[in-house]
């Protein structure tokens, strides 16, 4: 950590893309289908 090394797995979901789609008027179900993630995950990311 002192060297600035990141730990753990890289995030697989593009949070910015979810927000873009939401702002463009897409519903949670549509976003979930496009991104291949669960609808509840979409709601969590939009919080």
N, C-alpha and C. Protein backbone atom coordinates (compact mmCIF):
# COMPACT_ATOMS: atom_id res chain seq x y z
N UNK A 1 0.82 -1.20 0.00
CA UNK A 1 0.00 0.00 0.00
C UNK A 1 0.86 1.25 0.00
N UNK A 2 1.99 1.19 0.69
CA UNK A 2 2.87 2.35 0.75
C UNK A 2 3.41 2.72 -0.64
N UNK A 3 3.48 1.72 -1.53
CA UNK A 3 3.98 1.96 -2.88
C UNK A 3 2.88 2.44 -3.82
N UNK A 4 1.64 2.53 -3.32
CA UNK A 4 0.53 2.97 -4.16
C UNK A 4 -0.09 1.85 -4.97
N UNK A 5 0.12 0.61 -4.56
CA UNK A 5 -0.40 -0.54 -5.28
C UNK A 5 -1.87 -0.74 -4.92
N UNK A 6 -2.69 -0.99 -5.94
CA UNK A 6 -4.11 -1.26 -5.72
C UNK A 6 -4.31 -2.75 -5.50
N UNK A 7 -5.18 -3.09 -4.58
CA UNK A 7 -5.47 -4.49 -4.30
C UNK A 7 -6.86 -4.85 -4.78
N UNK A 8 -7.10 -6.14 -4.95
CA UNK A 8 -8.43 -6.62 -5.29
C UNK A 8 -8.68 -6.68 -6.78
N UNK A 9 -9.87 -7.15 -7.09
CA UNK A 9 -10.29 -7.34 -8.46
C UNK A 9 -10.75 -6.01 -9.07
N UNK A 10 -10.50 -5.83 -10.36
CA UNK A 10 -10.95 -4.63 -11.03
C UNK A 10 -12.47 -4.67 -11.18
N UNK A 11 -13.10 -3.50 -11.15
CA UNK A 11 -14.55 -3.44 -11.28
C UNK A 11 -14.96 -3.85 -12.69
N UNK A 12 -15.98 -4.68 -12.77
CA UNK A 12 -16.40 -5.18 -14.08
C UNK A 12 -17.59 -4.40 -14.63
N UNK A 13 -18.23 -3.59 -13.80
CA UNK A 13 -19.40 -2.82 -14.24
C UNK A 13 -19.00 -1.37 -14.44
N UNK A 14 -19.37 -0.83 -15.60
CA UNK A 14 -19.06 0.56 -15.90
C UNK A 14 -20.15 1.45 -15.30
N UNK A 15 -19.86 2.03 -14.15
CA UNK A 15 -20.83 2.85 -13.43
C UNK A 15 -21.23 4.08 -14.23
N UNK A 16 -20.27 4.67 -14.94
CA UNK A 16 -20.57 5.87 -15.73
C UNK A 16 -21.56 5.56 -16.84
N UNK A 17 -21.42 4.40 -17.45
CA UNK A 17 -22.32 3.99 -18.53
C UNK A 17 -23.75 3.83 -18.01
N UNK A 18 -23.89 3.25 -16.80
CA UNK A 18 -25.21 3.08 -16.19
C UNK A 18 -25.85 4.45 -15.97
N UNK A 19 -25.07 5.39 -15.45
CA UNK A 19 -25.60 6.74 -15.19
C UNK A 19 -25.96 7.45 -16.49
N UNK A 20 -25.14 7.28 -17.53
CA UNK A 20 -25.44 7.89 -18.83
C UNK A 20 -26.77 7.39 -19.37
N UNK A 21 -26.96 6.08 -19.33
CA UNK A 21 -28.20 5.49 -19.85
C UNK A 21 -29.40 5.98 -19.06
N UNK A 22 -29.25 6.10 -17.74
CA UNK A 22 -30.34 6.56 -16.89
C UNK A 22 -30.71 8.01 -17.22
N UNK A 23 -29.69 8.84 -17.40
CA UNK A 23 -29.92 10.25 -17.73
C UNK A 23 -30.54 10.40 -19.11
N UNK A 24 -30.28 9.43 -19.99
CA UNK A 24 -30.85 9.46 -21.34
C UNK A 24 -32.30 8.99 -21.34
N UNK A 25 -32.80 8.56 -20.17
CA UNK A 25 -34.21 8.19 -20.07
C UNK A 25 -34.48 6.70 -20.06
N UNK A 26 -33.44 5.88 -20.05
CA UNK A 26 -33.63 4.43 -20.04
C UNK A 26 -34.07 3.98 -18.64
N UNK A 27 -34.97 3.00 -18.60
CA UNK A 27 -35.43 2.46 -17.33
C UNK A 27 -34.43 1.46 -16.78
N UNK A 28 -34.61 1.11 -15.51
CA UNK A 28 -33.69 0.19 -14.85
C UNK A 28 -33.65 -1.17 -15.53
N UNK A 29 -34.81 -1.65 -15.98
CA UNK A 29 -34.87 -2.95 -16.64
C UNK A 29 -34.11 -2.92 -17.96
N UNK A 30 -34.28 -1.84 -18.72
CA UNK A 30 -33.57 -1.70 -20.00
C UNK A 30 -32.06 -1.65 -19.78
N UNK A 31 -31.64 -0.88 -18.78
CA UNK A 31 -30.21 -0.75 -18.48
C UNK A 31 -29.65 -2.10 -18.09
N UNK A 32 -30.37 -2.82 -17.22
CA UNK A 32 -29.91 -4.13 -16.75
C UNK A 32 -29.73 -5.10 -17.92
N UNK A 33 -30.69 -5.10 -18.84
CA UNK A 33 -30.61 -6.00 -20.00
C UNK A 33 -29.43 -5.63 -20.90
N UNK A 34 -29.23 -4.35 -21.14
CA UNK A 34 -28.13 -3.91 -22.01
C UNK A 34 -26.77 -4.23 -21.42
N UNK A 35 -26.64 -4.03 -20.11
CA UNK A 35 -25.35 -4.19 -19.44
C UNK A 35 -25.09 -5.62 -18.99
N UNK A 36 -26.13 -6.45 -18.97
CA UNK A 36 -25.96 -7.83 -18.53
C UNK A 36 -25.81 -7.95 -17.02
N UNK A 37 -26.49 -7.05 -16.29
CA UNK A 37 -26.44 -7.08 -14.83
C UNK A 37 -27.86 -7.13 -14.29
N UNK A 38 -28.00 -7.36 -13.01
CA UNK A 38 -29.31 -7.43 -12.38
C UNK A 38 -29.92 -6.06 -12.19
N UNK A 39 -31.25 -6.02 -12.17
CA UNK A 39 -31.95 -4.75 -11.98
C UNK A 39 -31.64 -4.13 -10.63
N UNK A 40 -31.52 -4.98 -9.60
CA UNK A 40 -31.20 -4.45 -8.27
C UNK A 40 -29.81 -3.82 -8.24
N UNK A 41 -28.91 -4.34 -9.04
CA UNK A 41 -27.57 -3.76 -9.14
C UNK A 41 -27.65 -2.37 -9.76
N UNK A 42 -28.51 -2.21 -10.74
CA UNK A 42 -28.70 -0.90 -11.38
C UNK A 42 -29.19 0.10 -10.34
N UNK A 43 -30.18 -0.30 -9.54
CA UNK A 43 -30.71 0.59 -8.51
C UNK A 43 -29.63 0.97 -7.51
N UNK A 44 -28.79 0.00 -7.13
CA UNK A 44 -27.70 0.28 -6.18
C UNK A 44 -26.72 1.30 -6.75
N UNK A 45 -26.39 1.16 -8.02
CA UNK A 45 -25.42 2.05 -8.66
C UNK A 45 -25.97 3.46 -8.83
N UNK A 46 -27.29 3.57 -8.97
CA UNK A 46 -27.89 4.89 -9.18
C UNK A 46 -28.13 5.63 -7.87
N UNK A 47 -27.95 4.96 -6.75
CA UNK A 47 -28.14 5.61 -5.44
C UNK A 47 -27.16 6.72 -5.23
